[in-house]
Amino acid sequence: MNTVIQIALYLLTLATWVIIIQAVMSWLIAFNVINTHNDFVRQVWTTLDRITEPLYRPIRRIMPDFGALDLSPIVVLICIQILRIVLEGQIQPTYIS
């Protein structure tokens, strides 16, 4: 059972990093530091968007519209941290005699 929880924790860590990378990349695109006319940048952006959009969509339906400010990544990160705390509480120590 611990192995399944450890895999879930690893996937939550991976999801956290993907969300952070996508948020930083969106800021860089918004401030025109990187350009989406570059094929590589566009492919990375499209891939990150396709990965994160299913996580954001339910939250965007519930939350009010703040215009250009999108708070759904923050809400998803908070939910991931709550889930991480719950899963870490389920890990049982293994004793080697």
Protein backbone atom coordinates (compact mmCIF):
# COMPACT_ATOMS: atom_id res chain seq x y z
CA MET A 1 0.00 0.00 0.00
CA ASN A 2 2.89 2.33 0.75
CA THR A 3 4.15 1.92 -2.81
CA VAL A 4 0.85 3.10 -4.29
CA ILE A 5 0.85 6.13 -2.01
CA GLN A 6 4.46 6.92 -2.91
CA ILE A 7 3.61 6.75 -6.62
CA ALA A 8 0.65 9.06 -6.04
CA LEU A 9 2.89 11.49 -4.15
CA TYR A 10 5.39 11.42 -7.01
CA LEU A 11 2.63 12.17 -9.53
CA LEU A 12 1.40 15.04 -7.35
CA THR A 13 4.94 16.46 -7.29
CA LEU A 14 5.11 16.14 -11.07
CA ALA A 15 1.74 17.89 -11.45
CA THR A 16 2.91 20.69 -9.16
CA TRP A 17 5.99 21.31 -11.30
CA VAL A 18 3.98 21.23 -14.53
CA ILE A 19 1.59 23.85 -13.14
CA ILE A 20 4.46 26.05 -11.95
CA ILE A 21 6.25 25.80 -15.31
CA GLN A 22 3.02 26.59 -17.15
CA ALA A 23 2.37 29.63 -14.95
CA VAL A 24 5.89 31.01 -15.41
CA MET A 25 5.70 30.40 -19.14
CA SER A 26 2.36 32.22 -19.33
CA TRP A 27 3.94 35.24 -17.62
CA LEU A 28 6.88 35.16 -20.03
CA ILE A 29 4.48 35.04 -22.97
CA ALA A 30 2.32 37.83 -21.52
CA PHE A 31 5.35 40.11 -21.08
CA ASN A 32 6.61 39.16 -24.55
CA VAL A 33 9.85 37.68 -23.24
CA ILE A 34 9.29 34.54 -25.25
CA ASN A 35 7.35 34.46 -28.49
CA THR A 36 4.72 31.90 -29.44
CA HIS A 37 5.62 32.28 -33.11
CA ASN A 38 8.59 30.01 -32.38
CA ASP A 39 7.55 26.41 -33.15
CA PHE A 40 9.25 24.91 -30.10
CA VAL A 41 7.70 27.45 -27.71
CA ARG A 42 4.28 26.93 -29.27
CA GLN A 43 4.54 23.14 -28.95
CA VAL A 44 5.63 23.33 -25.32
CA TRP A 45 2.85 25.81 -24.55
CA THR A 46 0.22 23.66 -26.29
CA THR A 47 1.40 20.54 -24.47
CA LEU A 48 1.34 22.24 -21.07
CA ASP A 49 -2.09 23.69 -21.81
CA ARG A 50 -3.49 20.29 -22.76
CA ILE A 51 -2.08 18.76 -19.58
CA THR A 52 -3.34 21.44 -17.20
CA GLU A 53 -6.67 22.41 -18.77
CA PRO A 54 -8.56 19.35 -17.40
CA LEU A 55 -7.39 20.34 -13.92
CA TYR A 56 -8.39 23.99 -14.32
CA ARG A 57 -11.73 23.58 -16.11
CA PRO A 58 -13.87 22.48 -13.11
CA ILE A 59 -12.40 25.23 -10.94
CA ARG A 60 -12.95 27.90 -13.60
CA ARG A 61 -16.63 26.92 -13.74
CA ILE A 62 -17.01 27.47 -9.99
CA MET A 63 -14.86 30.56 -9.46
CA PRO A 64 -16.03 34.04 -10.44
CA ASP A 65 -14.44 35.74 -13.44
CA PHE A 66 -11.59 38.07 -12.43
CA GLY A 67 -10.87 39.25 -15.95
CA ALA A 68 -7.27 38.66 -16.96
CA LEU A 69 -6.36 37.28 -13.51
CA ASP A 70 -6.64 33.48 -13.45
CA LEU A 71 -6.55 32.03 -9.94
CA SER A 72 -7.30 28.44 -10.92
CA PRO A 73 -3.61 27.34 -10.85
CA ILE A 74 -3.34 28.56 -7.26
CA VAL A 75 -6.50 26.70 -6.27
CA VAL A 76 -5.22 23.51 -7.95
CA LEU A 77 -1.87 23.84 -6.15
CA ILE A 78 -3.66 24.25 -2.81
CA CYS A 79 -5.78 21.15 -3.53
CA ILE A 80 -2.65 19.20 -4.45
CA GLN A 81 -0.97 20.20 -1.19
CA ILE A 82 -4.05 19.17 0.82
CA LEU A 83 -4.11 15.82 -0.98
CA ARG A 84 -0.38 15.42 -0.33
CA ILE A 85 -0.88 15.98 3.43
CA VAL A 86 -3.68 13.41 3.50
CA LEU A 87 -1.63 10.83 1.59
CA GLU A 88 1.49 11.39 3.69
CA GLY A 89 -0.61 10.72 6.79
CA GLN A 90 -1.56 7.33 5.32
CA ILE A 91 2.03 6.11 4.90
CA GLN A 92 2.77 3.54 7.53
CA PRO A 93 6.28 3.20 8.86
CA THR A 94 8.09 0.00 7.98
CA TYR A 95 10.22 -1.59 10.66
CA ILE A 96 13.08 -3.86 9.79
CA SER A 97 14.03 -6.27 12.56
